[in-house]
C-alpha atoms as a PDB file:
ATOM      1  CA  MET A   1       0.000   0.000   0.000  1.00  0.00           C
ATOM      2  CA  ARG A   2       1.312   3.417  -0.981  1.00  0.00           C
ATOM      3  CA  ILE A   3      -0.151   6.582   0.507  1.00  0.00           C
ATOM      4  CA  VAL A   4       0.540   9.805  -1.360  1.00  0.00           C
ATOM      5  CA  LEU A   5       0.094  12.974   0.714  1.00  0.00           C
ATOM      6  CA  ILE A   6      -0.349  16.218  -1.224  1.00  0.00           C
ATOM      7  CA  ARG A   7      -0.517  19.664   0.334  1.00  0.00           C
ATOM      8  CA  HIS A   8      -3.076  22.011  -1.234  1.00  0.00           C
ATOM      9  CA  GLY A   9      -2.149  24.788  -3.651  1.00  0.00           C
ATOM     10  CA  ASP A  10      -1.499  28.405  -2.763  1.00  0.00           C
ATOM     11  CA  PRO A  11      -4.588  29.457  -0.775  1.00  0.00           C
ATOM     12  CA  ASN A  12      -6.797  32.376   0.063  1.00  0.00           C
ATOM     13  CA  TYR A  13      -7.292  31.342   3.698  1.00  0.00           C
ATOM     14  CA  GLU A  14     -10.041  33.891   4.336  1.00  0.00           C
ATOM     15  CA  LYS A  15     -12.201  32.487   1.524  1.00  0.00           C
ATOM     16  CA  ASP A  16     -10.863  28.924   1.882  1.00  0.00           C
ATOM     17  CA  CYS A  17     -10.103  28.560  -1.805  1.00  0.00           C
ATOM     18  CA  LEU A  18      -7.139  28.598  -4.155  1.00  0.00           C
ATOM     19  CA  THR A  19      -5.577  31.760  -5.512  1.00  0.00           C
ATOM     20  CA  GLU A  20      -4.814  32.237  -9.205  1.00  0.00           C
ATOM     21  CA  LEU A  21      -1.309  30.943  -8.483  1.00  0.00           C
ATOM     22  CA  GLY A  22      -2.795  28.024  -6.576  1.00  0.00           C
ATOM     23  CA  HIS A  23      -4.886  26.973  -9.575  1.00  0.00           C
ATOM     24  CA  LYS A  24      -1.767  26.994 -11.755  1.00  0.00           C
ATOM     25  CA  GLN A  25       0.116  24.923  -9.180  1.00  0.00           C
ATOM     26  CA  VAL A  26      -2.552  22.244  -8.840  1.00  0.00           C
ATOM     27  CA  LYS A  27      -2.870  21.732 -12.591  1.00  0.00           C
ATOM     28  CA  ILE A  28       0.879  21.118 -12.819  1.00  0.00           C
ATOM     29  CA  ALA A  29       0.822  18.913  -9.700  1.00  0.00           C
ATOM     30  CA  ALA A  30      -2.052  16.884 -11.169  1.00  0.00           C
ATOM     31  CA  GLN A  31       0.005  16.023 -14.231  1.00  0.00           C
ATOM     32  CA  ARG A  32       2.938  15.052 -12.014  1.00  0.00           C
ATOM     33  CA  LEU A  33       0.671  12.826  -9.881  1.00  0.00           C
ATOM     34  CA  LEU A  34      -0.471  10.849 -12.925  1.00  0.00           C
ATOM     35  CA  LYS A  35       2.913   9.094 -12.706  1.00  0.00           C
ATOM     36  CA  GLU A  36       2.116   7.647  -9.254  1.00  0.00           C
ATOM     37  CA  GLY A  37      -0.537   5.140 -10.325  1.00  0.00           C
ATOM     38  CA  ILE A  38      -3.116   6.520  -7.906  1.00  0.00           C
ATOM     39  CA  GLU A  39      -6.344   4.507  -7.742  1.00  0.00           C
ATOM     40  CA  GLU A  40      -8.367   6.314  -5.063  1.00  0.00           C
ATOM     41  CA  ILE A  41      -8.670   9.929  -3.959  1.00  0.00           C
ATOM     42  CA  TYR A  42      -9.199  11.041  -0.361  1.00  0.00           C
ATOM     43  CA  CYS A  43      -9.447  14.652   0.684  1.00  0.00           C
ATOM     44  CA  SER A  44      -9.840  17.081   3.548  1.00  0.00           C
ATOM     45  CA  PRO A  45     -13.301  18.711   3.620  1.00  0.00           C
ATOM     46  CA  LEU A  46     -11.803  22.212   3.344  1.00  0.00           C
ATOM     47  CA  GLY A  47     -12.198  24.108   0.092  1.00  0.00           C
ATOM     48  CA  ARG A  48      -8.538  24.637  -0.769  1.00  0.00           C
ATOM     49  CA  ALA A  49      -7.822  20.914  -0.437  1.00  0.00           C
ATOM     50  CA  ARG A  50     -10.964  19.944  -2.353  1.00  0.00           C
ATOM     51  CA  GLN A  51     -10.043  22.212  -5.268  1.00  0.00           C
ATOM     52  CA  THR A  52      -6.571  20.655  -5.309  1.00  0.00           C
ATOM     53  CA  ALA A  53      -8.081  17.169  -5.314  1.00  0.00           C
ATOM     54  CA  GLN A  54     -10.541  18.150  -8.047  1.00  0.00           C
ATOM     55  CA  ALA A  55      -7.706  19.171 -10.352  1.00  0.00           C
ATOM     56  CA  PHE A  56      -6.265  15.665 -10.063  1.00  0.00           C
ATOM     57  CA  SER A  57      -9.714  14.093 -10.401  1.00  0.00           C
ATOM     58  CA  ASP A  58     -10.196  15.979 -13.678  1.00  0.00           C
ATOM     59  CA  ALA A  59      -6.748  14.963 -14.953  1.00  0.00           C
ATOM     60  CA  SER A  60      -6.968  11.310 -13.918  1.00  0.00           C
ATOM     61  CA  GLY A  61     -10.617  10.566 -14.615  1.00  0.00           C
ATOM     62  CA  ILE A  62     -11.099   9.264 -11.045  1.00  0.00           C
ATOM     63  CA  LYS A  63     -14.488  10.787 -10.295  1.00  0.00           C
ATOM     64  CA  GLU A  64     -15.017   9.837  -6.663  1.00  0.00           C
ATOM     65  CA  ILE A  65     -13.347  12.036  -4.048  1.00  0.00           C
ATOM     66  CA  LYS A  66     -13.759  10.533  -0.572  1.00  0.00           C
ATOM     67  CA  ILE A  67     -13.836  13.060   2.255  1.00  0.00           C
ATOM     68  CA  LEU A  68     -11.763  12.440   5.383  1.00  0.00           C
ATOM     69  CA  ASP A  69     -13.014  14.868   8.013  1.00  0.00           C
ATOM     70  CA  PHE A  70     -10.148  14.184  10.410  1.00  0.00           C
ATOM     71  CA  ILE A  71      -7.450  15.320   7.982  1.00  0.00           C
ATOM     72  CA  GLN A  72      -8.660  18.924   7.792  1.00  0.00           C
ATOM     73  CA  GLU A  73      -6.177  21.564   8.914  1.00  0.00           C
ATOM     74  CA  ILE A  74      -5.361  21.976  12.581  1.00  0.00           C
ATOM     75  CA  ARG A  75      -6.282  25.065  14.565  1.00  0.00           C
ATOM     76  CA  PHE A  76      -3.808  26.875  16.764  1.00  0.00           C
ATOM     77  CA  GLY A  77      -4.291  29.172  19.747  1.00  0.00           C
ATOM     78  CA  ARG A  78      -6.562  29.233  22.748  1.00  0.00           C
ATOM     79  CA  GLU A  79     -10.126  30.399  23.368  1.00  0.00           C
ATOM     80  CA  GLY A  80     -10.247  34.044  22.280  1.00  0.00           C
ATOM     81  CA  GLU A  81      -6.761  33.838  20.761  1.00  0.00           C
ATOM     82  CA  LEU A  82      -7.396  31.619  17.762  1.00  0.00           C
ATOM     83  CA  TYR A  83      -4.675  31.934  15.093  1.00  0.00           C
ATOM     84  CA  ASP A  84      -2.647  34.315  17.228  1.00  0.00           C
ATOM     85  CA  ASN A  85       0.944  33.785  16.078  1.00  0.00           C
ATOM     86  CA  LYS A  86       2.247  33.399  19.622  1.00  0.00           C
ATOM     87  CA  TRP A  87       0.531  29.970  19.501  1.00  0.00           C
ATOM     88  CA  ASN A  88       1.651  29.119  15.965  1.00  0.00           C
ATOM     89  CA  PRO A  89       3.237  25.637  16.251  1.00  0.00           C
ATOM     90  CA  TRP A  90       5.686  26.228  13.383  1.00  0.00           C
ATOM     91  CA  LEU A  91       6.987  29.434  14.982  1.00  0.00           C
ATOM     92  CA  GLY A  92       6.867  27.713  18.366  1.00  0.00           C
ATOM     93  CA  VAL A  93       9.075  24.840  17.269  1.00  0.00           C
ATOM     94  CA  ASN A  94      11.494  27.316  15.683  1.00  0.00           C
ATOM     95  CA  ALA A  95      11.832  29.057  19.043  1.00  0.00           C
ATOM     96  CA  LEU A  96      12.365  25.721  20.821  1.00  0.00           C
ATOM     97  CA  VAL A  97      15.143  24.789  18.399  1.00  0.00           C
ATOM     98  CA  HIS A  98      16.820  28.188  18.880  1.00  0.00           C
ATOM     99  CA  GLU A  99      16.715  27.590  22.645  1.00  0.00           C
ATOM    100  CA  GLY A 100      18.249  24.146  22.228  1.00  0.00           C
ATOM    101  CA  LYS A 101      15.132  22.363  23.554  1.00  0.00           C
ATOM    102  CA  ASP A 102      14.462  18.734  22.692  1.00  0.00           C
ATOM    103  CA  VAL A 103      11.554  18.786  20.229  1.00  0.00           C
ATOM    104  CA  GLN A 104      11.452  14.973  20.384  1.00  0.00           C
ATOM    105  CA  SER A 105      10.865  14.970  24.137  1.00  0.00           C
ATOM    106  CA  GLU A 106       7.925  12.853  25.332  1.00  0.00           C
ATOM    107  CA  ASN A 107       6.941  15.912  27.387  1.00  0.00           C
ATOM    108  CA  TRP A 108       6.580  18.232  24.396  1.00  0.00           C
ATOM    109  CA  ARG A 109       2.960  18.963  25.325  1.00  0.00           C
ATOM    110  CA  GLU A 110       4.218  20.783  28.425  1.00  0.00           C
ATOM    111  CA  TYR A 111       6.269  23.316  26.468  1.00  0.00           C
ATOM    112  CA  PRO A 112       4.594  26.763  26.635  1.00  0.00           C
ATOM    113  CA  ALA A 113       4.099  26.913  22.856  1.00  0.00           C
ATOM    114  CA  PHE A 114       2.071  23.672  22.904  1.00  0.00           C
ATOM    115  CA  LYS A 115       0.457  23.473  26.346  1.00  0.00           C
ATOM    116  CA  ASP A 116      -3.314  24.149  26.161  1.00  0.00           C
ATOM    117  CA  ASN A 117      -2.912  24.911  22.452  1.00  0.00           C
ATOM    118  CA  PHE A 118      -5.667  23.827  20.054  1.00  0.00           C
ATOM    119  CA  ALA A 119      -2.874  22.640  17.760  1.00  0.00           C
ATOM    120  CA  THR A 120      -1.886  19.999  20.305  1.00  0.00           C
ATOM    121  CA  GLU A 121      -5.507  18.942  20.815  1.00  0.00           C
ATOM    122  CA  ASP A 122      -6.102  18.630  17.076  1.00  0.00           C
ATOM    123  CA  ALA A 123      -2.824  16.800  16.445  1.00  0.00           C
ATOM    124  CA  ASP A 124      -3.745  14.251  19.117  1.00  0.00           C
ATOM    125  CA  LYS A 125      -7.182  13.755  17.548  1.00  0.00           C
ATOM    126  CA  ILE A 126      -5.616  13.231  14.129  1.00  0.00           C
ATOM    127  CA  ALA A 127      -3.323  10.576  15.629  1.00  0.00           C
ATOM    128  CA  VAL A 128      -6.320   8.619  16.942  1.00  0.00           C
ATOM    129  CA  GLU A 129      -8.307   8.960  13.732  1.00  0.00           C
ATOM    130  CA  THR A 130      -5.278   8.087  11.592  1.00  0.00           C
ATOM    131  CA  ASP A 131      -5.088   4.669  13.253  1.00  0.00           C
ATOM    132  CA  LYS A 132      -8.828   4.106  12.777  1.00  0.00           C
ATOM    133  CA  TRP A 133      -8.618   4.975   9.093  1.00  0.00           C
ATOM    134  CA  LEU A 134      -5.506   2.874   8.484  1.00  0.00           C
ATOM    135  CA  GLU A 135      -7.258  -0.109  10.042  1.00  0.00           C
ATOM    136  CA  GLU A 136     -10.193   0.433   7.670  1.00  0.00           C
ATOM    137  CA  ILE A 137      -7.845   0.158   4.688  1.00  0.00           C
ATOM    138  CA  GLY A 138      -6.015  -2.861   6.086  1.00  0.00           C
ATOM    139  CA  TYR A 139      -3.316  -1.803   8.584  1.00  0.00           C
ATOM    140  CA  LYS A 140      -4.017  -2.264  12.294  1.00  0.00           C
ATOM    141  CA  ARG A 141      -1.888  -0.499  14.894  1.00  0.00           C
ATOM    142  CA  GLU A 142       0.109  -2.790  17.194  1.00  0.00           C
ATOM    143  CA  GLY A 143       2.392  -0.902  19.563  1.00  0.00           C
ATOM    144  CA  LYS A 144       4.499   1.340  17.355  1.00  0.00           C
ATOM    145  CA  TYR A 145       3.887  -0.612  14.145  1.00  0.00           C
ATOM    146  CA  TYR A 146       1.045  -1.688  11.856  1.00  0.00           C
ATOM    147  CA  ARG A 147      -0.154  -5.216  11.154  1.00  0.00           C
ATOM    148  CA  ASN A 148      -1.171  -5.843   7.554  1.00  0.00           C
ATOM    149  CA  ILE A 149      -4.650  -7.368   7.934  1.00  0.00           C
ATOM    150  CA  ARG A 150      -5.420  -7.348   4.209  1.00  0.00           C
ATOM    151  CA  LYS A 151      -6.131 -10.678   2.517  1.00  0.00           C
ATOM    152  CA  ASP A 152      -4.091 -10.024  -0.621  1.00  0.00           C
ATOM    153  CA  ASP A 153      -0.685  -8.590  -1.442  1.00  0.00           C
ATOM    154  CA  LYS A 154      -1.816  -6.400  -4.324  1.00  0.00           C
ATOM    155  CA  GLU A 155      -0.013  -3.074  -4.610  1.00  0.00           C
ATOM    156  CA  LYS A 156      -2.419  -0.157  -4.270  1.00  0.00           C
ATOM    157  CA  THR A 157      -1.770   3.578  -4.286  1.00  0.00           C
ATOM    158  CA  ILE A 158      -4.129   6.117  -2.755  1.00  0.00           C
ATOM    159  CA  ALA A 159      -3.874   9.891  -2.505  1.00  0.00           C
ATOM    160  CA  ILE A 160      -4.773  12.206   0.369  1.00  0.00           C
ATOM    161  CA  PHE A 161      -5.100  15.908  -0.437  1.00  0.00           C
ATOM    162  CA  CYS A 162      -4.665  17.818   2.790  1.00  0.00           C
ATOM    163  CA  HIS A 163      -2.671  20.474   4.664  1.00  0.00           C
ATOM    164  CA  GLY A 164       0.710  21.189   6.207  1.00  0.00           C
ATOM    165  CA  GLY A 165      -0.394  20.822   9.822  1.00  0.00           C
ATOM    166  CA  SER A 166      -2.649  17.819   9.406  1.00  0.00           C
ATOM    167  CA  SER A 167      -0.071  15.971   7.312  1.00  0.00           C
ATOM    168  CA  ALA A 168       2.561  16.711   9.986  1.00  0.00           C
ATOM    169  CA  ALA A 169       0.244  15.195  12.619  1.00  0.00           C
ATOM    170  CA  PHE A 170      -0.528  12.201  10.367  1.00  0.00           C
ATOM    171  CA  MET A 171       3.147  11.512   9.723  1.00  0.00           C
ATOM    172  CA  ALA A 172       4.082  12.047  13.358  1.00  0.00           C
ATOM    173  CA  ARG A 173       1.724   9.209  14.264  1.00  0.00           C
ATOM    174  CA  VAL A 174       2.689   6.680  11.616  1.00  0.00           C
ATOM    175  CA  LEU A 175       6.430   7.379  11.957  1.00  0.00           C
ATOM    176  CA  ASN A 176       6.383   7.524  15.790  1.00  0.00           C
ATOM    177  CA  GLN A 177       7.769  11.050  15.947  1.00  0.00           C
ATOM    178  CA  THR A 178       6.585  14.039  17.971  1.00  0.00           C
ATOM    179  CA  PHE A 179       4.288  16.585  16.391  1.00  0.00           C
ATOM    180  CA  PRO A 180       6.751  19.499  17.021  1.00  0.00           C
ATOM    181  CA  TYR A 181       9.553  17.557  15.357  1.00  0.00           C
ATOM    182  CA  MET A 182       7.451  16.950  12.261  1.00  0.00           C
ATOM    183  CA  CYS A 183       6.418  20.620  12.189  1.00  0.00           C
ATOM    184  CA  GLY A 184      10.113  21.463  12.160  1.00  0.00           C
ATOM    185  CA  VAL A 185      10.972  18.914   9.472  1.00  0.00           C
ATOM    186  CA  LEU A 186       8.032  19.981   7.272  1.00  0.00           C
ATOM    187  CA  LEU A 187       8.438  23.698   7.902  1.00  0.00           C
ATOM    188  CA  ARG A 188       8.099  26.209   5.044  1.00  0.00           C
ATOM    189  CA  PHE A 189       7.825  23.841   2.126  1.00  0.00           C
ATOM    190  CA  PRO A 190       5.924  25.151  -0.930  1.00  0.00           C
ATOM    191  CA  HIS A 191       2.322  24.259  -1.684  1.00  0.00           C
ATOM    192  CA  THR A 192       1.439  21.092  -3.645  1.00  0.00           C
ATOM    193  CA  THR A 193       4.472  19.238  -2.303  1.00  0.00           C
ATOM    194  CA  ILE A 194       4.201  15.446  -2.576  1.00  0.00           C
ATOM    195  CA  THR A 195       5.124  12.845   0.046  1.00  0.00           C
ATOM    196  CA  VAL A 196       4.853   9.079  -0.450  1.00  0.00           C
ATOM    197  CA  LEU A 197       4.669   6.462   2.327  1.00  0.00           C
ATOM    198  CA  LYS A 198       4.841   2.747   1.519  1.00  0.00           C
ATOM    199  CA  PHE A 199       3.474  -0.012   3.765  1.00  0.00           C
ATOM    200  CA  ASP A 200       4.446  -3.688   3.388  1.00  0.00           C
ATOM    201  CA  ASN A 201       1.973  -5.567   1.167  1.00  0.00           C
ATOM    202  CA  THR A 202       2.599  -8.971   2.787  1.00  0.00           C
ATOM    203  CA  PRO A 203      -0.583 -10.207   4.527  1.00  0.00           C
ATOM    204  CA  GLY A 204       0.049 -10.634   8.255  1.00  0.00           C
ATOM    205  CA  ALA A 205       3.315  -8.669   8.240  1.00  0.00           C
ATOM    206  CA  LEU A 206       4.126  -6.140  10.946  1.00  0.00           C
ATOM    207  CA  THR A 207       5.219  -3.003   9.158  1.00  0.00           C
ATOM    208  CA  LEU A 208       6.578   0.499   9.577  1.00  0.00           C
ATOM    209  CA  PRO A 209       6.053   2.724   6.530  1.00  0.00           C
ATOM    210  CA  ILE A 210       9.004   3.550   4.321  1.00  0.00           C
ATOM    211  CA  ILE A 211       9.338   7.158   3.153  1.00  0.00           C
ATOM    212  CA  GLU A 212       9.639   6.851  -0.628  1.00  0.00           C
ATOM    213  CA  LEU A 213       9.429  10.575  -1.238  1.00  0.00           C
ATOM    214  CA  LEU A 214       9.370  13.596   1.073  1.00  0.00           C
ATOM    215  CA  ASN A 215       8.010  17.016   0.123  1.00  0.00           C
ATOM    216  CA  ASP A 216       8.851  16.831  -3.561  1.00  0.00           C
ATOM    217  CA  ASP A 217       8.146  20.164  -5.259  1.00  0.00           C
ATOM    218  CA  ARG A 218      10.188  19.772  -8.440  1.00  0.00           C
ATOM    219  CA  HIS A 219       7.045  20.004 -10.552  1.00  0.00           C
ATOM    220  CA  LEU A 220       6.720  23.675  -9.552  1.00  0.00           C
ATOM    221  CA  LYS A 221       9.956  24.760 -11.175  1.00  0.00           C
ATOM    222  CA  GLU A 222       8.249  25.839 -14.376  1.00  0.00           C
ATOM    223  CA  ILE A 223       6.262  28.524 -12.512  1.00  0.00           C
ATOM    224  CA  MET A 224       8.781  29.480  -9.825  1.00  0.00           C
END
């Protein structure tokens, strides 16, 4: 099983849609994605991700776009301070790194930038829902790994069109890393970047996904 994660195109966050540049990006990304052999499309319910997914649907002829509510973008902040940059997890992890803090600490939720932050709450919810969804498609969590509970060893590739924060939380769970660490690793990459995770196809095997590709944005060179 291969899971292709695609960040949405350049957005207008206020209107939750793509900008003119974003529409150009997703058309180019769609052509690039045709090389991945994608068979199914999953998508965040948010508009910017859905428009990105639709561009690939149009290019590939795969009509059905399955909505995954849990993979929508994370919030950050507290009550009354939503999207205040002092709670921004990407800026927060930058500050932790500059201070020499361990962003892979098991106690990362106690750091001021993440304690009582909606980003932490949402990342934890995504972790739980990630395991539920993976079990639905044939990979059941056992400790830090996944048991292949599928009955066949057929290779299958599926795409998830989502967001920077939600993909960081998703990857933190499946790769057994902390959410701040993944925010740091995935920080400031361009829109429509492509990441590919591969799970063992062997029925019954205990597996940890291999990173085939991480934040590939080479397809954007023609408009950069």
